Amino acid sequence: MRIQIERRLSPVQRALLAVWKLLIGRVPGPMLVVSYRKRYFGNYWASCMQEGMRAARYWNRGEIELFAAFTSKVNSCTY
């Protein structure tokens, strides 16, 4: 069973997600996860992801994004 995240968001969050839908046709899963209960979960998760993705010393930003995209593809994730 999936949680209907979009129904539990604030009006501002819903507006931001609507913009994403207009720009790319859908809302990426990580954006929904970060938006859901942002005060308790989203802020902390987002900062951990940023630290993990940006703290790599041997790869540049493009290489890290390429690794993330490849991993998502292998895991059949629509990221």
C-alpha atoms as a PDB file:
ATOM      1  CA  MET A   1       0.000   0.000   0.000  1.00  0.00           C
ATOM      2  CA  ARG A   2       1.325   3.429  -0.898  1.00  0.00           C
ATOM      3  CA  ILE A   3       0.907   6.513   1.222  1.00  0.00           C
ATOM      4  CA  GLN A   4      -0.902   9.318  -0.553  1.00  0.00           C
ATOM      5  CA  ILE A   5       1.812  11.848   0.232  1.00  0.00           C
ATOM      6  CA  GLU A   6       0.471  14.695  -1.874  1.00  0.00           C
ATOM      7  CA  ARG A   7      -2.750  14.901   0.135  1.00  0.00           C
ATOM      8  CA  ARG A   8      -0.794  15.534   3.358  1.00  0.00           C
ATOM      9  CA  LEU A   9       1.317  18.435   2.098  1.00  0.00           C
ATOM     10  CA  SER A  10       0.922  22.131   2.784  1.00  0.00           C
ATOM     11  CA  PRO A  11      -0.455  24.418   0.051  1.00  0.00           C
ATOM     12  CA  VAL A  12       3.041  25.795  -0.615  1.00  0.00           C
ATOM     13  CA  GLN A  13       4.471  22.303  -1.024  1.00  0.00           C
ATOM     14  CA  ARG A  14       1.616  21.357  -3.360  1.00  0.00           C
ATOM     15  CA  ALA A  15       2.323  24.439  -5.478  1.00  0.00           C
ATOM     16  CA  LEU A  16       6.014  23.541  -5.744  1.00  0.00           C
ATOM     17  CA  LEU A  17       5.151  19.992  -6.780  1.00  0.00           C
ATOM     18  CA  ALA A  18       2.735  21.364  -9.376  1.00  0.00           C
ATOM     19  CA  VAL A  19       5.613  23.364 -10.855  1.00  0.00           C
ATOM     20  CA  TRP A  20       7.714  20.197 -11.042  1.00  0.00           C
ATOM     21  CA  LYS A  21       4.851  18.422 -12.827  1.00  0.00           C
ATOM     22  CA  LEU A  22       4.618  21.256 -15.348  1.00  0.00           C
ATOM     23  CA  LEU A  23       8.365  21.312 -15.983  1.00  0.00           C
ATOM     24  CA  ILE A  24       9.128  17.611 -16.306  1.00  0.00           C
ATOM     25  CA  GLY A  25       5.738  15.903 -16.359  1.00  0.00           C
ATOM     26  CA  ARG A  26       6.045  14.149 -13.004  1.00  0.00           C
ATOM     27  CA  VAL A  27       7.375  14.648  -9.507  1.00  0.00           C
ATOM     28  CA  PRO A  28      10.558  12.651  -8.816  1.00  0.00           C
ATOM     29  CA  GLY A  29      10.278  10.201  -5.924  1.00  0.00           C
ATOM     30  CA  PRO A  30      13.079  11.780  -3.881  1.00  0.00           C
ATOM     31  CA  MET A  31      11.260  15.128  -4.011  1.00  0.00           C
ATOM     32  CA  LEU A  32       8.135  13.508  -2.564  1.00  0.00           C
ATOM     33  CA  VAL A  33      10.156  11.791   0.161  1.00  0.00           C
ATOM     34  CA  VAL A  34      11.857  15.031   1.191  1.00  0.00           C
ATOM     35  CA  SER A  35       8.515  16.875   1.174  1.00  0.00           C
ATOM     36  CA  TYR A  36       6.747  14.342   3.382  1.00  0.00           C
ATOM     37  CA  ARG A  37       6.980  15.331   7.050  1.00  0.00           C
ATOM     38  CA  LYS A  38       9.794  17.698   6.259  1.00  0.00           C
ATOM     39  CA  ARG A  39      10.130  18.888   9.840  1.00  0.00           C
ATOM     40  CA  TYR A  40      10.775  15.377  11.177  1.00  0.00           C
ATOM     41  CA  PHE A  41      12.422  13.625   8.270  1.00  0.00           C
ATOM     42  CA  GLY A  42      12.981  15.614   5.095  1.00  0.00           C
ATOM     43  CA  ASN A  43      15.465  18.192   6.364  1.00  0.00           C
ATOM     44  CA  TYR A  44      17.722  15.584   7.967  1.00  0.00           C
ATOM     45  CA  TRP A  45      17.555  13.150   5.056  1.00  0.00           C
ATOM     46  CA  ALA A  46      18.280  15.877   2.512  1.00  0.00           C
ATOM     47  CA  SER A  47      21.318  17.105   4.419  1.00  0.00           C
ATOM     48  CA  CYS A  48      22.683  13.547   4.726  1.00  0.00           C
ATOM     49  CA  MET A  49      22.185  12.994   0.995  1.00  0.00           C
ATOM     50  CA  GLN A  50      23.935  16.250   0.157  1.00  0.00           C
ATOM     51  CA  GLU A  51      26.872  15.378   2.397  1.00  0.00           C
ATOM     52  CA  GLY A  52      27.133  11.889   0.957  1.00  0.00           C
ATOM     53  CA  MET A  53      26.873  13.027  -2.647  1.00  0.00           C
ATOM     54  CA  ARG A  54      29.096  16.093  -2.380  1.00  0.00           C
ATOM     55  CA  ALA A  55      31.765  14.897   0.048  1.00  0.00           C
ATOM     56  CA  ALA A  56      33.382  12.524  -2.473  1.00  0.00           C
ATOM     57  CA  ARG A  57      36.940  13.663  -2.975  1.00  0.00           C
ATOM     58  CA  TYR A  58      37.944  11.603  -5.990  1.00  0.00           C
ATOM     59  CA  TRP A  59      35.027  12.344  -8.329  1.00  0.00           C
ATOM     60  CA  ASN A  60      33.605  15.578  -9.676  1.00  0.00           C
ATOM     61  CA  ARG A  61      29.917  16.508  -9.509  1.00  0.00           C
ATOM     62  CA  GLY A  62      29.121  15.131 -12.981  1.00  0.00           C
ATOM     63  CA  GLU A  63      30.664  11.751 -12.210  1.00  0.00           C
ATOM     64  CA  ILE A  64      28.725  11.476  -8.956  1.00  0.00           C
ATOM     65  CA  GLU A  65      25.463  12.258 -10.743  1.00  0.00           C
ATOM     66  CA  LEU A  66      26.311   9.677 -13.407  1.00  0.00           C
ATOM     67  CA  PHE A  67      26.923   7.041 -10.724  1.00  0.00           C
ATOM     68  CA  ALA A  68      23.601   7.921  -9.073  1.00  0.00           C
ATOM     69  CA  ALA A  69      21.732   7.678 -12.379  1.00  0.00           C
ATOM     70  CA  PHE A  70      23.350   4.336 -13.210  1.00  0.00           C
ATOM     71  CA  THR A  71      22.543   2.925  -9.766  1.00  0.00           C
ATOM     72  CA  SER A  72      18.934   4.080 -10.089  1.00  0.00           C
ATOM     73  CA  LYS A  73      18.675   2.436 -13.505  1.00  0.00           C
ATOM     74  CA  VAL A  74      20.098  -0.849 -12.208  1.00  0.00           C
ATOM     75  CA  ASN A  75      17.624  -0.761  -9.311  1.00  0.00           C
ATOM     76  CA  SER A  76      14.744   0.017 -11.732  1.00  0.00           C
ATOM     77  CA  CYS A  77      14.158   3.313  -9.945  1.00  0.00           C
ATOM     78  CA  THR A  78      12.609   6.280 -11.798  1.00  0.00           C
ATOM     79  CA  TYR A  79      15.001   8.837 -10.401  1.00  0.00           C
END
